[in-house]
N, C-alpha and C. Protein backbone atom coordinates (compact mmCIF):
# COMPACT_ATOMS: atom_id res chain seq x y z
N UNK A 1 56.40 80.22 98.65
CA UNK A 1 57.30 81.13 97.98
C UNK A 1 58.73 80.82 98.40
N UNK A 2 59.62 80.82 97.42
CA UNK A 2 61.04 80.63 97.69
C UNK A 2 61.82 81.87 97.30
N UNK A 3 62.92 82.08 98.00
CA UNK A 3 63.84 83.16 97.65
C UNK A 3 64.95 82.55 96.80
N UNK A 4 65.14 83.12 95.62
CA UNK A 4 66.08 82.59 94.65
C UNK A 4 67.15 83.63 94.34
N UNK A 5 68.40 83.22 94.36
CA UNK A 5 69.50 84.09 93.94
C UNK A 5 70.15 83.46 92.70
N UNK A 6 70.32 84.27 91.67
CA UNK A 6 70.97 83.82 90.44
C UNK A 6 72.33 84.48 90.35
N UNK A 7 73.36 83.66 90.19
CA UNK A 7 74.71 84.16 89.96
C UNK A 7 75.01 83.96 88.48
N UNK A 8 74.94 85.05 87.73
CA UNK A 8 75.15 85.01 86.28
C UNK A 8 76.62 85.19 85.97
N UNK A 9 77.27 84.11 85.55
CA UNK A 9 78.68 84.14 85.24
C UNK A 9 79.02 84.48 83.81
N UNK A 10 78.04 84.90 83.03
CA UNK A 10 78.32 85.23 81.63
C UNK A 10 78.82 86.66 81.48
N UNK A 11 79.85 86.86 80.66
CA UNK A 11 80.30 88.22 80.40
C UNK A 11 79.45 88.94 79.36
N UNK A 12 78.61 88.21 78.65
CA UNK A 12 77.77 88.80 77.61
C UNK A 12 76.46 89.32 78.20
N UNK A 13 76.17 90.57 77.92
CA UNK A 13 74.96 91.20 78.45
C UNK A 13 73.70 90.53 77.93
N UNK A 14 73.69 90.19 76.66
CA UNK A 14 72.50 89.59 76.06
C UNK A 14 72.83 88.29 75.34
N UNK A 15 73.62 87.45 75.98
CA UNK A 15 74.02 86.19 75.37
C UNK A 15 73.05 85.06 75.65
N UNK A 16 73.49 83.87 75.35
CA UNK A 16 72.65 82.68 75.48
C UNK A 16 72.37 82.34 76.95
N UNK A 17 73.35 82.54 77.81
CA UNK A 17 73.13 82.30 79.24
C UNK A 17 72.07 83.25 79.78
N UNK A 18 72.16 84.51 79.38
CA UNK A 18 71.18 85.51 79.84
C UNK A 18 69.77 85.14 79.38
N UNK A 19 69.65 84.59 78.17
CA UNK A 19 68.33 84.15 77.69
C UNK A 19 67.78 83.03 78.57
N UNK A 20 68.64 82.09 78.94
CA UNK A 20 68.19 81.03 79.86
C UNK A 20 67.71 81.62 81.18
N UNK A 21 68.48 82.58 81.70
CA UNK A 21 68.12 83.24 82.96
C UNK A 21 66.78 83.94 82.83
N UNK A 22 66.59 84.70 81.78
CA UNK A 22 65.34 85.44 81.59
C UNK A 22 64.14 84.52 81.54
N UNK A 23 64.27 83.41 80.84
CA UNK A 23 63.14 82.47 80.74
C UNK A 23 62.90 81.76 82.07
N UNK A 24 63.96 81.43 82.78
CA UNK A 24 63.82 80.84 84.11
C UNK A 24 63.13 81.83 85.05
N UNK A 25 63.63 83.07 85.07
CA UNK A 25 63.11 84.10 85.98
C UNK A 25 61.63 84.38 85.75
N UNK A 26 61.24 84.45 84.48
CA UNK A 26 59.85 84.76 84.15
C UNK A 26 58.90 83.79 84.83
N UNK A 27 59.19 82.51 84.70
CA UNK A 27 58.28 81.52 85.29
C UNK A 27 58.48 81.37 86.80
N UNK A 28 59.70 81.59 87.28
CA UNK A 28 59.92 81.53 88.73
C UNK A 28 59.15 82.65 89.42
N UNK A 29 59.17 83.85 88.83
CA UNK A 29 58.42 84.97 89.41
C UNK A 29 56.92 84.76 89.30
N UNK A 30 56.46 84.25 88.15
CA UNK A 30 55.02 84.05 88.00
C UNK A 30 54.51 82.95 88.92
N UNK A 31 55.40 82.08 89.40
CA UNK A 31 55.02 81.05 90.38
C UNK A 31 55.03 81.60 91.80
N UNK A 32 55.33 82.91 91.95
CA UNK A 32 55.27 83.56 93.25
C UNK A 32 56.57 83.62 94.01
N UNK A 33 57.66 83.28 93.35
CA UNK A 33 58.97 83.30 94.02
C UNK A 33 59.61 84.69 93.93
N UNK A 34 60.48 84.96 94.87
CA UNK A 34 61.26 86.20 94.88
C UNK A 34 62.61 85.89 94.24
N UNK A 35 62.99 86.65 93.22
CA UNK A 35 64.20 86.36 92.46
C UNK A 35 65.13 87.57 92.42
N UNK A 36 66.41 87.34 92.74
CA UNK A 36 67.45 88.37 92.60
C UNK A 36 68.52 87.80 91.69
N UNK A 37 68.96 88.59 90.72
CA UNK A 37 69.99 88.16 89.78
C UNK A 37 71.18 89.10 89.85
N UNK A 38 72.37 88.53 89.97
CA UNK A 38 73.59 89.31 89.98
C UNK A 38 74.38 89.01 88.71
N UNK A 39 74.61 90.03 87.90
CA UNK A 39 75.43 89.91 86.70
C UNK A 39 76.88 90.13 87.12
N UNK A 40 77.59 89.06 87.36
CA UNK A 40 78.91 89.11 87.98
C UNK A 40 79.94 89.88 87.15
N UNK A 41 79.81 89.86 85.83
CA UNK A 41 80.75 90.57 84.97
C UNK A 41 80.75 92.08 85.25
N UNK A 42 79.60 92.59 85.66
CA UNK A 42 79.47 94.03 85.92
C UNK A 42 79.90 94.42 87.32
N UNK A 43 80.28 93.44 88.12
CA UNK A 43 80.58 93.70 89.52
C UNK A 43 82.09 93.66 89.78
N UNK A 44 82.50 94.35 90.82
CA UNK A 44 83.90 94.38 91.24
C UNK A 44 84.09 93.30 92.31
N UNK A 45 84.48 92.10 91.86
CA UNK A 45 84.65 90.97 92.77
C UNK A 45 86.05 90.42 92.59
N UNK A 46 86.79 90.39 93.66
CA UNK A 46 88.15 89.89 93.64
C UNK A 46 88.18 88.41 93.99
N UNK A 47 89.21 87.72 93.55
CA UNK A 47 89.37 86.30 93.86
C UNK A 47 89.62 86.06 95.34
N UNK A 48 89.25 84.88 95.78
CA UNK A 48 89.47 84.49 97.18
C UNK A 48 90.96 84.51 97.48
N UNK A 49 91.31 85.02 98.65
CA UNK A 49 92.70 85.08 99.08
C UNK A 49 93.16 83.80 99.79
N UNK A 50 92.21 82.95 100.12
CA UNK A 50 92.55 81.74 100.86
C UNK A 50 93.11 82.03 102.24
N UNK A 51 92.72 83.16 102.80
CA UNK A 51 93.28 83.58 104.09
C UNK A 51 92.61 82.89 105.28
N UNK A 52 91.42 82.35 105.07
CA UNK A 52 90.66 81.69 106.15
C UNK A 52 90.46 82.62 107.35
N UNK A 53 90.25 83.90 107.08
CA UNK A 53 90.02 84.87 108.14
C UNK A 53 88.63 85.48 108.07
N UNK A 54 87.77 84.87 107.26
CA UNK A 54 86.39 85.36 107.15
C UNK A 54 85.56 84.86 108.32
N UNK A 55 84.28 85.21 108.27
CA UNK A 55 83.35 84.72 109.27
C UNK A 55 83.34 85.48 110.58
N UNK A 56 84.14 86.51 110.69
CA UNK A 56 84.17 87.28 111.93
C UNK A 56 82.89 88.10 112.13
N UNK A 57 82.32 88.55 111.03
CA UNK A 57 81.11 89.37 111.06
C UNK A 57 80.11 88.78 110.07
N UNK A 58 79.04 88.15 110.53
CA UNK A 58 78.08 87.54 109.62
C UNK A 58 77.48 88.53 108.60
N UNK A 59 77.41 89.80 108.96
CA UNK A 59 76.86 90.79 108.03
C UNK A 59 77.85 91.14 106.91
N UNK A 60 79.12 90.96 107.18
CA UNK A 60 80.19 91.26 106.22
C UNK A 60 81.27 90.20 106.40
N UNK A 61 81.00 88.96 105.94
CA UNK A 61 81.83 87.83 106.34
C UNK A 61 83.25 87.78 105.78
N UNK A 62 83.51 88.41 104.65
CA UNK A 62 84.83 88.31 104.04
C UNK A 62 85.70 89.51 104.43
N UNK A 63 87.00 89.28 104.53
CA UNK A 63 87.91 90.38 104.85
C UNK A 63 88.02 91.36 103.68
N UNK A 64 87.76 90.91 102.48
CA UNK A 64 87.77 91.80 101.32
C UNK A 64 86.42 92.53 101.25
N UNK A 65 86.47 93.80 100.99
CA UNK A 65 85.24 94.59 100.90
C UNK A 65 85.07 95.08 99.46
N UNK A 66 84.34 94.29 98.71
CA UNK A 66 84.06 94.62 97.32
C UNK A 66 82.58 94.34 97.07
N UNK A 67 82.20 94.11 95.83
CA UNK A 67 80.78 93.94 95.51
C UNK A 67 80.17 92.64 96.02
N UNK A 68 80.95 91.75 96.57
CA UNK A 68 80.37 90.56 97.21
C UNK A 68 79.48 90.99 98.38
N UNK A 69 79.72 92.19 98.91
CA UNK A 69 78.89 92.71 100.00
C UNK A 69 77.42 92.78 99.59
N UNK A 70 77.15 92.94 98.30
CA UNK A 70 75.77 92.97 97.80
C UNK A 70 75.18 91.57 97.74
N UNK A 71 76.03 90.59 97.48
CA UNK A 71 75.56 89.21 97.30
C UNK A 71 75.35 88.49 98.63
N UNK A 72 76.23 88.69 99.60
CA UNK A 72 76.17 87.94 100.85
C UNK A 72 74.79 87.94 101.52
N UNK A 73 74.15 89.09 101.73
CA UNK A 73 72.86 89.03 102.44
C UNK A 73 71.77 88.30 101.64
N UNK A 74 71.79 88.44 100.33
CA UNK A 74 70.80 87.77 99.48
C UNK A 74 71.06 86.27 99.48
N UNK A 75 72.32 85.90 99.39
CA UNK A 75 72.71 84.49 99.42
C UNK A 75 72.30 83.83 100.74
N UNK A 76 72.56 84.49 101.85
CA UNK A 76 72.22 83.92 103.16
C UNK A 76 70.73 83.63 103.27
N UNK A 77 69.90 84.52 102.74
CA UNK A 77 68.45 84.38 102.84
C UNK A 77 67.85 83.46 101.78
N UNK A 78 68.61 83.15 100.73
CA UNK A 78 68.07 82.39 99.61
C UNK A 78 67.80 80.93 99.97
N UNK A 79 66.74 80.42 99.40
CA UNK A 79 66.43 79.00 99.48
C UNK A 79 67.09 78.25 98.33
N UNK A 80 67.23 78.96 97.21
CA UNK A 80 67.72 78.36 95.96
C UNK A 80 68.83 79.23 95.38
N UNK A 81 69.92 78.57 94.97
CA UNK A 81 71.02 79.25 94.28
C UNK A 81 71.05 78.73 92.85
N UNK A 82 71.01 79.65 91.89
CA UNK A 82 71.09 79.29 90.48
C UNK A 82 72.48 79.67 89.99
N UNK A 83 73.20 78.67 89.52
CA UNK A 83 74.51 78.90 88.90
C UNK A 83 74.28 78.96 87.40
N UNK A 84 74.52 80.11 86.81
CA UNK A 84 74.29 80.30 85.38
C UNK A 84 75.61 80.68 84.73
N UNK A 85 75.99 79.94 83.68
CA UNK A 85 77.29 80.17 83.09
C UNK A 85 77.35 79.62 81.67
N UNK A 86 78.11 80.29 80.81
CA UNK A 86 78.50 79.63 79.58
C UNK A 86 79.60 78.62 79.92
N UNK A 87 79.79 77.65 79.06
CA UNK A 87 80.87 76.70 79.27
C UNK A 87 82.16 77.31 78.73
N UNK A 88 83.16 77.39 79.60
CA UNK A 88 84.48 77.87 79.22
C UNK A 88 85.48 76.75 79.52
N UNK A 89 86.12 76.25 78.50
CA UNK A 89 87.11 75.19 78.68
C UNK A 89 86.56 74.07 79.56
N UNK A 90 85.35 73.61 79.26
CA UNK A 90 84.68 72.50 79.91
C UNK A 90 84.48 72.72 81.40
N UNK A 91 84.20 73.97 81.75
CA UNK A 91 83.90 74.32 83.13
C UNK A 91 83.04 75.56 83.18
N UNK A 92 82.78 76.04 84.39
CA UNK A 92 82.04 77.28 84.56
C UNK A 92 82.97 78.45 84.28
N UNK A 93 82.41 79.60 84.04
CA UNK A 93 83.22 80.78 83.74
C UNK A 93 84.01 81.22 84.98
N UNK A 94 85.09 81.95 84.74
CA UNK A 94 85.90 82.49 85.82
C UNK A 94 85.12 83.44 86.70
N UNK A 95 84.20 84.20 86.10
CA UNK A 95 83.39 85.14 86.88
C UNK A 95 82.57 84.40 87.93
N UNK A 96 81.96 83.29 87.52
CA UNK A 96 81.14 82.52 88.46
C UNK A 96 82.01 81.81 89.49
N UNK A 97 83.09 81.23 89.06
CA UNK A 97 83.98 80.53 90.00
C UNK A 97 84.54 81.48 91.05
N UNK A 98 84.92 82.67 90.61
CA UNK A 98 85.47 83.67 91.53
C UNK A 98 84.45 84.04 92.61
N UNK A 99 83.23 84.34 92.20
CA UNK A 99 82.19 84.72 93.17
C UNK A 99 81.83 83.55 94.07
N UNK A 100 81.71 82.36 93.48
CA UNK A 100 81.30 81.21 94.29
C UNK A 100 82.36 80.87 95.33
N UNK A 101 83.64 80.96 94.95
CA UNK A 101 84.70 80.71 95.93
C UNK A 101 84.58 81.64 97.14
N UNK A 102 84.18 82.85 96.88
CA UNK A 102 84.07 83.85 97.95
C UNK A 102 82.92 83.56 98.91
N UNK A 103 82.00 82.70 98.55
CA UNK A 103 80.91 82.33 99.45
C UNK A 103 81.43 81.51 100.65
N UNK A 104 82.66 81.03 100.56
CA UNK A 104 83.25 80.29 101.67
C UNK A 104 83.28 81.14 102.94
N UNK A 105 83.37 82.45 102.78
CA UNK A 105 83.38 83.33 103.95
C UNK A 105 82.11 83.17 104.79
N UNK A 106 80.99 82.84 104.15
CA UNK A 106 79.74 82.61 104.88
C UNK A 106 79.87 81.31 105.69
N UNK A 107 80.47 80.28 105.10
CA UNK A 107 80.68 79.03 105.84
C UNK A 107 81.60 79.26 107.03
N UNK A 108 82.53 80.20 106.91
CA UNK A 108 83.45 80.49 108.01
C UNK A 108 82.74 81.09 109.22
N UNK A 109 81.50 81.51 109.06
CA UNK A 109 80.72 82.02 110.19
C UNK A 109 80.35 80.89 111.15
N UNK A 110 80.43 79.67 110.68
CA UNK A 110 80.13 78.49 111.50
C UNK A 110 81.44 77.89 111.99
N UNK A 111 81.52 77.51 113.27
CA UNK A 111 82.76 76.90 113.79
C UNK A 111 83.14 75.62 113.03
N UNK A 112 82.15 74.95 112.44
CA UNK A 112 82.41 73.72 111.69
C UNK A 112 82.50 73.97 110.19
N UNK A 113 82.56 75.24 109.81
CA UNK A 113 82.58 75.63 108.38
C UNK A 113 81.40 75.03 107.63
N UNK A 114 80.25 75.06 108.27
CA UNK A 114 79.06 74.51 107.67
C UNK A 114 78.44 75.52 106.70
N UNK A 115 78.17 75.05 105.49
CA UNK A 115 77.53 75.89 104.49
C UNK A 115 76.02 75.92 104.73
N UNK A 116 75.39 77.05 104.49
CA UNK A 116 73.93 77.08 104.60
C UNK A 116 73.32 76.08 103.61
N UNK A 117 72.29 75.40 104.02
CA UNK A 117 71.65 74.39 103.17
C UNK A 117 70.78 75.08 102.12
N UNK A 118 70.97 74.69 100.87
CA UNK A 118 70.27 75.30 99.74
C UNK A 118 69.86 74.23 98.74
N UNK A 119 68.94 74.64 97.88
CA UNK A 119 68.70 73.91 96.64
C UNK A 119 69.53 74.63 95.58
N UNK A 120 69.89 73.91 94.52
CA UNK A 120 70.74 74.52 93.50
C UNK A 120 70.29 74.08 92.12
N UNK A 121 70.42 75.01 91.18
CA UNK A 121 70.15 74.73 89.77
C UNK A 121 71.34 75.16 88.95
N UNK A 122 71.53 74.52 87.82
CA UNK A 122 72.58 74.89 86.89
C UNK A 122 71.96 75.20 85.53
N UNK A 123 72.24 76.39 85.03
CA UNK A 123 71.84 76.78 83.68
C UNK A 123 73.13 77.01 82.90
N UNK A 124 73.36 76.23 81.83
CA UNK A 124 74.61 76.36 81.10
C UNK A 124 74.39 76.31 79.60
N UNK A 125 74.90 77.34 78.93
CA UNK A 125 74.92 77.38 77.47
C UNK A 125 76.32 76.98 77.01
N UNK A 126 76.38 76.28 75.89
CA UNK A 126 77.67 75.81 75.38
C UNK A 126 77.61 75.61 73.88
N UNK A 127 78.79 75.60 73.28
CA UNK A 127 78.88 75.31 71.85
C UNK A 127 78.64 73.82 71.60
N UNK A 128 79.36 72.98 72.34
CA UNK A 128 79.22 71.54 72.17
C UNK A 128 77.87 71.05 72.67
N UNK A 129 77.44 69.93 72.12
CA UNK A 129 76.10 69.44 72.45
C UNK A 129 76.09 67.92 72.63
N UNK A 130 77.11 67.41 73.31
CA UNK A 130 77.15 65.97 73.55
C UNK A 130 77.28 65.71 75.04
N UNK A 131 76.95 64.51 75.42
CA UNK A 131 77.06 64.14 76.83
C UNK A 131 78.51 64.26 77.31
N UNK A 132 79.46 63.85 76.46
CA UNK A 132 80.86 63.93 76.87
C UNK A 132 81.32 65.38 77.00
N UNK A 133 80.74 66.29 76.22
CA UNK A 133 81.07 67.71 76.33
C UNK A 133 80.70 68.25 77.71
N UNK A 134 79.56 67.85 78.23
CA UNK A 134 79.09 68.35 79.51
C UNK A 134 79.59 67.52 80.70
N UNK A 135 80.26 66.39 80.46
CA UNK A 135 80.69 65.50 81.54
C UNK A 135 81.56 66.20 82.60
N UNK A 136 82.55 67.04 82.24
CA UNK A 136 83.34 67.69 83.29
C UNK A 136 82.52 68.64 84.17
N UNK A 137 81.58 69.35 83.57
CA UNK A 137 80.72 70.26 84.34
C UNK A 137 79.78 69.45 85.23
N UNK A 138 79.25 68.37 84.69
CA UNK A 138 78.36 67.50 85.47
C UNK A 138 79.10 66.97 86.70
N UNK A 139 80.34 66.53 86.51
CA UNK A 139 81.12 66.00 87.63
C UNK A 139 81.39 67.10 88.67
N UNK A 140 81.74 68.30 88.20
CA UNK A 140 81.98 69.41 89.12
C UNK A 140 80.72 69.75 89.91
N UNK A 141 79.60 69.89 89.20
CA UNK A 141 78.33 70.26 89.83
C UNK A 141 77.90 69.22 90.86
N UNK A 142 77.95 67.97 90.48
CA UNK A 142 77.55 66.90 91.40
C UNK A 142 78.46 66.84 92.62
N UNK A 143 79.77 67.01 92.41
CA UNK A 143 80.71 67.02 93.52
C UNK A 143 80.49 68.20 94.45
N UNK A 144 80.25 69.36 93.86
CA UNK A 144 79.99 70.57 94.64
C UNK A 144 78.77 70.38 95.53
N UNK A 145 77.67 69.91 94.96
CA UNK A 145 76.46 69.73 95.74
C UNK A 145 76.64 68.67 96.83
N UNK A 146 77.36 67.62 96.51
CA UNK A 146 77.60 66.57 97.49
C UNK A 146 78.39 67.11 98.69
N UNK A 147 79.43 67.87 98.42
CA UNK A 147 80.26 68.40 99.51
C UNK A 147 79.55 69.48 100.31
N UNK A 148 78.70 70.26 99.65
CA UNK A 148 77.97 71.33 100.35
C UNK A 148 76.73 70.80 101.07
N UNK A 149 76.28 69.62 100.68
CA UNK A 149 75.04 69.08 101.25
C UNK A 149 73.81 69.75 100.66
N UNK A 150 73.93 70.23 99.42
CA UNK A 150 72.82 70.90 98.75
C UNK A 150 72.03 69.91 97.90
N UNK A 151 70.78 70.27 97.63
CA UNK A 151 69.88 69.44 96.82
C UNK A 151 69.84 69.98 95.39
N UNK A 152 70.00 69.08 94.44
CA UNK A 152 69.89 69.45 93.02
C UNK A 152 68.43 69.70 92.69
N UNK A 153 68.14 70.89 92.16
CA UNK A 153 66.77 71.23 91.76
C UNK A 153 66.61 71.27 90.25
N UNK A 154 67.67 70.90 89.51
CA UNK A 154 67.54 70.81 88.07
C UNK A 154 68.72 71.39 87.31
N UNK A 155 68.85 70.92 86.08
CA UNK A 155 69.95 71.34 85.21
C UNK A 155 69.42 71.55 83.80
N UNK A 156 69.89 72.61 83.16
CA UNK A 156 69.67 72.79 81.73
C UNK A 156 71.04 72.88 81.08
N UNK A 157 71.35 71.88 80.27
CA UNK A 157 72.55 71.92 79.44
C UNK A 157 72.07 72.33 78.05
N UNK A 158 72.37 73.55 77.66
CA UNK A 158 71.89 74.09 76.39
C UNK A 158 73.05 74.12 75.40
N UNK A 159 73.26 73.02 74.71
CA UNK A 159 74.35 72.90 73.76
C UNK A 159 73.95 73.36 72.37
N UNK A 160 74.98 73.54 71.52
CA UNK A 160 74.76 73.97 70.15
C UNK A 160 74.61 75.47 70.00
N UNK A 161 75.07 76.21 71.00
CA UNK A 161 74.90 77.67 71.01
C UNK A 161 76.26 78.35 71.07
N UNK A 162 76.75 78.77 69.93
CA UNK A 162 78.07 79.41 69.87
C UNK A 162 77.95 80.93 69.90
N UNK A 163 77.19 81.48 68.99
CA UNK A 163 77.10 82.93 68.87
C UNK A 163 75.99 83.48 69.76
N UNK A 164 76.16 84.72 70.22
CA UNK A 164 75.10 85.34 71.03
C UNK A 164 73.76 85.29 70.28
N UNK A 165 72.74 84.83 70.96
CA UNK A 165 71.41 84.77 70.36
C UNK A 165 71.07 83.44 69.71
N UNK A 166 72.05 82.55 69.54
CA UNK A 166 71.76 81.25 68.92
C UNK A 166 70.64 80.50 69.64
N UNK A 167 70.58 80.64 70.94
CA UNK A 167 69.61 79.88 71.73
C UNK A 167 68.16 80.26 71.40
N UNK A 168 67.98 81.43 70.85
CA UNK A 168 66.61 81.86 70.48
C UNK A 168 66.02 80.96 69.39
N UNK A 169 66.89 80.24 68.67
CA UNK A 169 66.43 79.29 67.66
C UNK A 169 66.21 77.90 68.24
N UNK A 170 66.34 77.77 69.56
CA UNK A 170 66.16 76.49 70.23
C UNK A 170 65.13 76.65 71.37
N UNK A 171 63.88 76.81 70.99
CA UNK A 171 62.86 77.06 72.02
C UNK A 171 62.73 75.94 73.04
N UNK A 172 63.13 74.73 72.68
CA UNK A 172 63.05 73.62 73.63
C UNK A 172 64.01 73.83 74.80
N UNK A 173 65.17 74.47 74.54
CA UNK A 173 66.11 74.74 75.62
C UNK A 173 65.57 75.84 76.54
N UNK A 174 64.99 76.85 75.96
CA UNK A 174 64.40 77.93 76.76
C UNK A 174 63.21 77.41 77.56
N UNK A 175 62.46 76.48 76.97
CA UNK A 175 61.32 75.88 77.67
C UNK A 175 61.79 75.06 78.88
N UNK A 176 62.97 74.44 78.78
CA UNK A 176 63.51 73.70 79.93
C UNK A 176 63.78 74.64 81.09
N UNK A 177 64.35 75.81 80.78
CA UNK A 177 64.62 76.80 81.83
C UNK A 177 63.31 77.30 82.43
N UNK A 178 62.31 77.54 81.59
CA UNK A 178 61.00 77.97 82.09
C UNK A 178 60.39 76.92 83.01
N UNK A 179 60.49 75.66 82.62
CA UNK A 179 59.92 74.57 83.43
C UNK A 179 60.57 74.50 84.80
N UNK A 180 61.89 74.72 84.87
CA UNK A 180 62.55 74.73 86.17
C UNK A 180 62.05 75.89 87.03
N UNK A 181 61.87 77.05 86.41
CA UNK A 181 61.35 78.21 87.15
C UNK A 181 59.96 77.95 87.67
N UNK A 182 59.15 77.34 86.87
CA UNK A 182 57.76 77.06 87.25
C UNK A 182 57.69 76.00 88.34
N UNK A 183 58.63 75.07 88.35
CA UNK A 183 58.60 73.93 89.29
C UNK A 183 58.98 74.33 90.71
N UNK A 184 59.62 75.49 90.88
CA UNK A 184 60.06 75.87 92.23
C UNK A 184 58.93 76.40 93.09
């Protein structure tokens, strides 16, 4: 059994990213994993201050006290981090970037700023559906994992999805998310 934390960067309650998450979660849970999902749009999370004053208290690592307090303990215990986001201007959403930046406070708990070792997955819905469309996100994701020392556990690039619910007409994309959930 693995502990999985999903950081949902979509602002849409029932959008295409959420559908990917639901299909991933269904099979991840049926495989016996423990799954927690945070809908970041609904949370009060402020941007990183870049103060480098975190890490003083492992239970509450950031100097800012907002809804990241709910995420930190789950993140620390997680074996797998799922980054779920719609593509915004060829990158992850601001909601996801904001929350992920704040995880640096956990690394500050280590004198060497060492990040906890995790596996990571990326679930991304987008309008565009070409390799070049996803290239900037691919480069960001690969660079992030390389610098953190994390292992890639899979990616679903779900292109061709503009309007909320479009992905429901693409069962092959939802099946990819299910397969990743089942494989963990």
